[in-house]
Amino acid sequence: MPTLIIKTNAPIETTATESIIKRASARVAELLGKPERYVMVILEPTPTMCFGGETTPLAFLELKSLGLPEDRTSALSAALCELLHETLEIPSSRVYIEFASPPRHLFGFDGRTF
């Protein structure tokens, strides 16, 4: 159930959207060692964002996963920032990431919870 939400004000070509979310999906599956068939990626273009008083390209990410390894959040942060730099040219200094590991009973799928 890994879910990655990417909110960004970076300009995104319509034709690039699918490539970005597919790369992110594969990368999250690889990083967490989870089957990609359970990974969800949401890309939300949000033109009205400001960070540090500047509106230059930035991003806010949320990564949620059952059993998210808290001791690996630094490595996950580095990998996700690298992905954003490669795909959207957003420097890591313009990215915030929120990590969450919800209890299994608070995440639903296919009409039931995990």
N, C-alpha and C. Protein backbone atom coordinates (compact mmCIF):
# COMPACT_ATOMS: atom_id res chain seq x y z
N MET A 1 0.78 -1.19 0.00
CA MET A 1 0.00 0.00 0.00
C MET A 1 0.83 1.27 0.00
N PRO A 2 2.06 1.19 -0.40
CA PRO A 2 2.82 2.43 -0.43
C PRO A 2 2.12 3.47 -1.31
N THR A 3 2.02 4.69 -0.78
CA THR A 3 1.39 5.77 -1.51
C THR A 3 2.32 6.98 -1.48
N LEU A 4 2.62 7.50 -2.66
CA LEU A 4 3.45 8.68 -2.77
C LEU A 4 2.61 9.79 -3.40
N ILE A 5 2.49 10.90 -2.68
CA ILE A 5 1.79 12.07 -3.20
C ILE A 5 2.84 13.15 -3.44
N ILE A 6 2.84 13.67 -4.65
CA ILE A 6 3.78 14.72 -5.04
C ILE A 6 2.98 15.96 -5.38
N LYS A 7 3.16 17.02 -4.58
CA LYS A 7 2.54 18.31 -4.87
C LYS A 7 3.67 19.25 -5.28
N THR A 8 3.53 19.86 -6.44
CA THR A 8 4.60 20.72 -6.93
C THR A 8 4.08 21.86 -7.79
N ASN A 9 4.85 22.94 -7.78
CA ASN A 9 4.53 24.07 -8.66
C ASN A 9 5.45 24.08 -9.89
N ALA A 10 6.28 23.06 -10.02
CA ALA A 10 7.19 22.97 -11.17
C ALA A 10 6.36 22.80 -12.45
N PRO A 11 6.77 23.44 -13.52
CA PRO A 11 6.06 23.25 -14.79
C PRO A 11 6.24 21.81 -15.28
N ILE A 12 5.13 21.20 -15.66
CA ILE A 12 5.17 19.81 -16.12
C ILE A 12 4.47 19.73 -17.47
N GLU A 13 5.20 19.24 -18.45
CA GLU A 13 4.60 19.01 -19.76
C GLU A 13 3.57 17.89 -19.62
N THR A 14 2.42 18.06 -20.21
CA THR A 14 1.37 17.05 -20.14
C THR A 14 1.88 15.69 -20.59
N THR A 15 2.72 15.69 -21.59
CA THR A 15 3.25 14.43 -22.12
C THR A 15 4.24 13.76 -21.16
N ALA A 16 4.77 14.51 -20.20
CA ALA A 16 5.76 13.95 -19.25
C ALA A 16 5.11 13.36 -18.01
N THR A 17 3.86 13.68 -17.74
CA THR A 17 3.21 13.26 -16.51
C THR A 17 3.24 11.74 -16.32
N GLU A 18 2.87 11.00 -17.33
CA GLU A 18 2.82 9.55 -17.22
C GLU A 18 4.21 8.98 -16.95
N SER A 19 5.21 9.48 -17.62
CA SER A 19 6.57 9.02 -17.40
C SER A 19 7.02 9.27 -15.96
N ILE A 20 6.71 10.44 -15.44
CA ILE A 20 7.10 10.81 -14.08
C ILE A 20 6.46 9.88 -13.06
N ILE A 21 5.15 9.65 -13.16
CA ILE A 21 4.49 8.81 -12.16
C ILE A 21 4.92 7.35 -12.28
N LYS A 22 5.19 6.89 -13.49
CA LYS A 22 5.66 5.50 -13.64
C LYS A 22 7.06 5.33 -13.07
N ARG A 23 7.94 6.30 -13.28
CA ARG A 23 9.28 6.24 -12.69
C ARG A 23 9.19 6.27 -11.17
N ALA A 24 8.32 7.13 -10.64
CA ALA A 24 8.15 7.23 -9.20
C ALA A 24 7.59 5.93 -8.62
N SER A 25 6.65 5.32 -9.31
CA SER A 25 6.06 4.06 -8.84
C SER A 25 7.11 2.96 -8.75
N ALA A 26 7.89 2.82 -9.80
CA ALA A 26 8.95 1.79 -9.81
C ALA A 26 9.99 2.07 -8.72
N ARG A 27 10.32 3.33 -8.54
CA ARG A 27 11.35 3.69 -7.54
C ARG A 27 10.86 3.43 -6.12
N VAL A 28 9.61 3.77 -5.82
CA VAL A 28 9.06 3.53 -4.49
C VAL A 28 9.02 2.02 -4.20
N ALA A 29 8.57 1.24 -5.17
CA ALA A 29 8.53 -0.21 -5.00
C ALA A 29 9.93 -0.75 -4.70
N GLU A 30 10.91 -0.28 -5.45
CA GLU A 30 12.29 -0.71 -5.26
C GLU A 30 12.81 -0.29 -3.89
N LEU A 31 12.60 0.95 -3.52
CA LEU A 31 13.12 1.47 -2.25
C LEU A 31 12.53 0.75 -1.04
N LEU A 32 11.24 0.41 -1.13
CA LEU A 32 10.56 -0.21 0.01
C LEU A 32 10.52 -1.73 -0.07
N GLY A 33 10.97 -2.29 -1.20
CA GLY A 33 10.94 -3.74 -1.34
C GLY A 33 9.52 -4.29 -1.36
N LYS A 34 8.61 -3.53 -1.96
CA LYS A 34 7.20 -3.93 -2.02
C LYS A 34 6.81 -4.16 -3.48
N PRO A 35 5.83 -5.02 -3.72
CA PRO A 35 5.39 -5.25 -5.10
C PRO A 35 4.80 -3.96 -5.69
N GLU A 36 5.21 -3.64 -6.90
CA GLU A 36 4.74 -2.40 -7.52
C GLU A 36 3.23 -2.41 -7.73
N ARG A 37 2.62 -3.57 -7.82
CA ARG A 37 1.17 -3.63 -8.05
C ARG A 37 0.38 -2.98 -6.91
N TYR A 38 1.02 -2.76 -5.74
CA TYR A 38 0.36 -2.12 -4.62
C TYR A 38 0.74 -0.65 -4.45
N VAL A 39 1.64 -0.14 -5.27
CA VAL A 39 2.11 1.23 -5.14
C VAL A 39 1.18 2.19 -5.86
N MET A 40 0.82 3.29 -5.17
CA MET A 40 0.01 4.34 -5.79
C MET A 40 0.84 5.62 -5.78
N VAL A 41 0.83 6.32 -6.91
CA VAL A 41 1.51 7.61 -7.01
C VAL A 41 0.49 8.63 -7.48
N ILE A 42 0.45 9.76 -6.79
CA ILE A 42 -0.45 10.85 -7.13
C ILE A 42 0.40 12.08 -7.39
N LEU A 43 0.27 12.64 -8.57
CA LEU A 43 1.00 13.85 -8.93
C LEU A 43 0.00 15.00 -9.00
N GLU A 44 0.17 15.98 -8.10
CA GLU A 44 -0.75 17.11 -8.03
C GLU A 44 -0.03 18.40 -8.41
N PRO A 45 -0.21 18.84 -9.64
CA PRO A 45 0.33 20.15 -10.00
C PRO A 45 -0.40 21.22 -9.17
N THR A 46 0.36 21.99 -8.41
CA THR A 46 -0.20 23.00 -7.53
C THR A 46 0.53 24.31 -7.79
N PRO A 47 0.01 25.13 -8.69
CA PRO A 47 0.76 26.32 -9.10
C PRO A 47 0.97 27.36 -8.00
N THR A 48 0.13 27.36 -6.99
CA THR A 48 0.27 28.38 -5.94
C THR A 48 0.95 27.79 -4.71
N MET A 49 2.28 27.77 -4.76
CA MET A 49 3.08 27.28 -3.65
C MET A 49 4.22 28.26 -3.41
N CYS A 50 4.62 28.37 -2.15
CA CYS A 50 5.71 29.25 -1.77
C CYS A 50 6.53 28.56 -0.68
N PHE A 51 7.84 28.64 -0.78
CA PHE A 51 8.72 28.04 0.22
C PHE A 51 9.88 29.00 0.45
N GLY A 52 10.08 29.38 1.70
CA GLY A 52 11.15 30.32 2.01
C GLY A 52 10.95 31.69 1.37
N GLY A 53 9.69 32.04 1.15
CA GLY A 53 9.39 33.33 0.55
C GLY A 53 9.57 33.37 -0.95
N GLU A 54 9.88 32.22 -1.54
CA GLU A 54 10.13 32.14 -3.00
C GLU A 54 9.12 31.20 -3.65
N THR A 55 8.78 31.49 -4.89
CA THR A 55 7.86 30.63 -5.64
C THR A 55 8.56 29.84 -6.74
N THR A 56 9.89 29.82 -6.72
CA THR A 56 10.62 28.99 -7.68
C THR A 56 10.25 27.53 -7.44
N PRO A 57 10.45 26.64 -8.43
CA PRO A 57 9.99 25.26 -8.31
C PRO A 57 10.34 24.60 -6.97
N LEU A 58 9.31 23.97 -6.41
CA LEU A 58 9.42 23.29 -5.12
C LEU A 58 8.45 22.12 -5.11
N ALA A 59 8.57 21.30 -4.09
CA ALA A 59 7.66 20.16 -3.97
C ALA A 59 7.45 19.78 -2.52
N PHE A 60 6.27 19.27 -2.24
CA PHE A 60 5.95 18.67 -0.95
C PHE A 60 5.51 17.25 -1.25
N LEU A 61 6.16 16.27 -0.61
CA LEU A 61 5.84 14.87 -0.83
C LEU A 61 5.31 14.25 0.45
N GLU A 62 4.42 13.29 0.27
CA GLU A 62 3.96 12.46 1.37
C GLU A 62 4.20 11.01 0.95
N LEU A 63 4.95 10.28 1.76
CA LEU A 63 5.15 8.86 1.50
C LEU A 63 4.58 8.09 2.68
N LYS A 64 3.56 7.30 2.38
CA LYS A 64 2.92 6.47 3.41
C LYS A 64 3.08 5.02 3.02
N SER A 65 3.39 4.20 4.03
CA SER A 65 3.53 2.77 3.77
C SER A 65 3.41 2.02 5.08
N LEU A 66 2.71 0.90 5.04
CA LEU A 66 2.65 0.03 6.21
C LEU A 66 4.06 -0.46 6.50
N GLY A 67 4.46 -0.37 7.74
CA GLY A 67 5.79 -0.85 8.11
C GLY A 67 6.93 -0.03 7.54
N LEU A 68 6.70 1.25 7.29
CA LEU A 68 7.75 2.11 6.75
C LEU A 68 8.96 2.07 7.69
N PRO A 69 10.12 1.71 7.18
CA PRO A 69 11.30 1.60 8.05
C PRO A 69 11.82 2.98 8.47
N GLU A 70 11.57 3.34 9.71
CA GLU A 70 11.96 4.67 10.21
C GLU A 70 13.47 4.89 10.15
N ASP A 71 14.23 3.82 10.25
CA ASP A 71 15.69 3.96 10.21
C ASP A 71 16.21 4.20 8.79
N ARG A 72 15.33 4.17 7.80
CA ARG A 72 15.74 4.38 6.41
C ARG A 72 15.19 5.67 5.81
N THR A 73 14.57 6.52 6.64
CA THR A 73 13.97 7.73 6.08
C THR A 73 15.00 8.66 5.45
N SER A 74 16.21 8.70 5.98
CA SER A 74 17.25 9.55 5.35
C SER A 74 17.56 9.06 3.95
N ALA A 75 17.72 7.77 3.78
CA ALA A 75 18.00 7.20 2.46
C ALA A 75 16.81 7.38 1.52
N LEU A 76 15.60 7.22 2.06
CA LEU A 76 14.40 7.43 1.25
C LEU A 76 14.31 8.88 0.80
N SER A 77 14.61 9.80 1.71
CA SER A 77 14.60 11.23 1.38
C SER A 77 15.58 11.53 0.25
N ALA A 78 16.79 11.02 0.37
CA ALA A 78 17.81 11.25 -0.66
C ALA A 78 17.35 10.71 -2.01
N ALA A 79 16.79 9.50 -2.02
CA ALA A 79 16.37 8.88 -3.28
C ALA A 79 15.19 9.62 -3.91
N LEU A 80 14.24 10.06 -3.10
CA LEU A 80 13.09 10.78 -3.64
C LEU A 80 13.50 12.17 -4.14
N CYS A 81 14.41 12.83 -3.43
CA CYS A 81 14.91 14.12 -3.90
C CYS A 81 15.67 13.97 -5.22
N GLU A 82 16.43 12.90 -5.33
CA GLU A 82 17.15 12.63 -6.58
C GLU A 82 16.17 12.43 -7.73
N LEU A 83 15.08 11.69 -7.47
CA LEU A 83 14.06 11.46 -8.48
C LEU A 83 13.44 12.78 -8.93
N LEU A 84 13.13 13.67 -7.98
CA LEU A 84 12.54 14.96 -8.33
C LEU A 84 13.51 15.83 -9.11
N HIS A 85 14.77 15.75 -8.75
CA HIS A 85 15.76 16.53 -9.49
C HIS A 85 15.89 16.02 -10.93
N GLU A 86 15.88 14.70 -11.09
CA GLU A 86 16.00 14.10 -12.43
C GLU A 86 14.78 14.38 -13.30
N THR A 87 13.59 14.30 -12.71
CA THR A 87 12.37 14.39 -13.52
C THR A 87 11.81 15.80 -13.63
N LEU A 88 11.96 16.62 -12.58
CA LEU A 88 11.35 17.95 -12.57
C LEU A 88 12.35 19.07 -12.34
N GLU A 89 13.62 18.72 -12.20
CA GLU A 89 14.69 19.70 -11.98
C GLU A 89 14.47 20.55 -10.73
N ILE A 90 13.92 19.92 -9.69
CA ILE A 90 13.72 20.60 -8.41
C ILE A 90 14.89 20.26 -7.51
N PRO A 91 15.62 21.26 -7.01
CA PRO A 91 16.74 20.97 -6.11
C PRO A 91 16.23 20.43 -4.77
N SER A 92 17.02 19.56 -4.16
CA SER A 92 16.61 18.94 -2.90
C SER A 92 16.35 19.96 -1.79
N SER A 93 16.98 21.12 -1.89
CA SER A 93 16.77 22.16 -0.89
C SER A 93 15.39 22.83 -1.02
N ARG A 94 14.62 22.42 -2.03
CA ARG A 94 13.28 22.97 -2.25
C ARG A 94 12.21 21.89 -2.08
N VAL A 95 12.55 20.84 -1.29
CA VAL A 95 11.64 19.71 -1.12
C VAL A 95 11.45 19.40 0.37
N TYR A 96 10.20 19.27 0.77
CA TYR A 96 9.86 18.72 2.08
C TYR A 96 9.20 17.37 1.84
N ILE A 97 9.46 16.41 2.74
CA ILE A 97 8.86 15.08 2.63
C ILE A 97 8.32 14.68 3.99
N GLU A 98 7.07 14.26 4.00
CA GLU A 98 6.45 13.74 5.22
C GLU A 98 6.35 12.22 5.08
N PHE A 99 6.90 11.51 6.03
CA PHE A 99 6.84 10.05 6.05
C PHE A 99 5.80 9.61 7.08
N ALA A 100 5.04 8.58 6.74
CA ALA A 100 4.03 8.07 7.67
C ALA A 100 3.89 6.57 7.52
N SER A 101 3.68 5.92 8.66
CA SER A 101 3.46 4.48 8.70
C SER A 101 2.17 4.22 9.48
N PRO A 102 1.02 4.25 8.79
CA PRO A 102 -0.25 4.10 9.51
C PRO A 102 -0.42 2.68 10.05
N PRO A 103 -1.17 2.55 11.13
CA PRO A 103 -1.50 1.20 11.60
C PRO A 103 -2.30 0.46 10.53
N ARG A 104 -2.14 -0.83 10.45
CA ARG A 104 -2.79 -1.64 9.41
C ARG A 104 -4.31 -1.46 9.39
N HIS A 105 -4.91 -1.34 10.56
CA HIS A 105 -6.38 -1.23 10.61
C HIS A 105 -6.88 0.14 10.17
N LEU A 106 -5.98 1.09 9.94
CA LEU A 106 -6.39 2.41 9.48
C LEU A 106 -6.07 2.64 8.00
N PHE A 107 -5.81 1.57 7.27
CA PHE A 107 -5.60 1.69 5.83
C PHE A 107 -6.43 0.63 5.12
N GLY A 108 -7.33 1.08 4.27
CA GLY A 108 -8.23 0.17 3.58
C GLY A 108 -7.82 -0.12 2.15
N PHE A 109 -8.23 -1.30 1.68
CA PHE A 109 -7.99 -1.72 0.30
C PHE A 109 -8.96 -2.85 -0.03
N ASP A 110 -9.57 -2.78 -1.19
CA ASP A 110 -10.40 -3.86 -1.71
C ASP A 110 -11.53 -4.23 -0.74
N GLY A 111 -12.13 -3.24 -0.11
CA GLY A 111 -13.28 -3.47 0.77
C GLY A 111 -12.94 -3.96 2.17
N ARG A 112 -11.66 -3.93 2.52
CA ARG A 112 -11.27 -4.37 3.86
C ARG A 112 -10.05 -3.56 4.29
N THR A 113 -9.51 -3.84 5.44
CA THR A 113 -8.29 -3.17 5.88
C THR A 113 -7.16 -4.20 5.88
N PHE A 114 -5.95 -3.68 6.00
CA PHE A 114 -4.80 -4.56 6.00
C PHE A 114 -4.62 -5.20 7.36
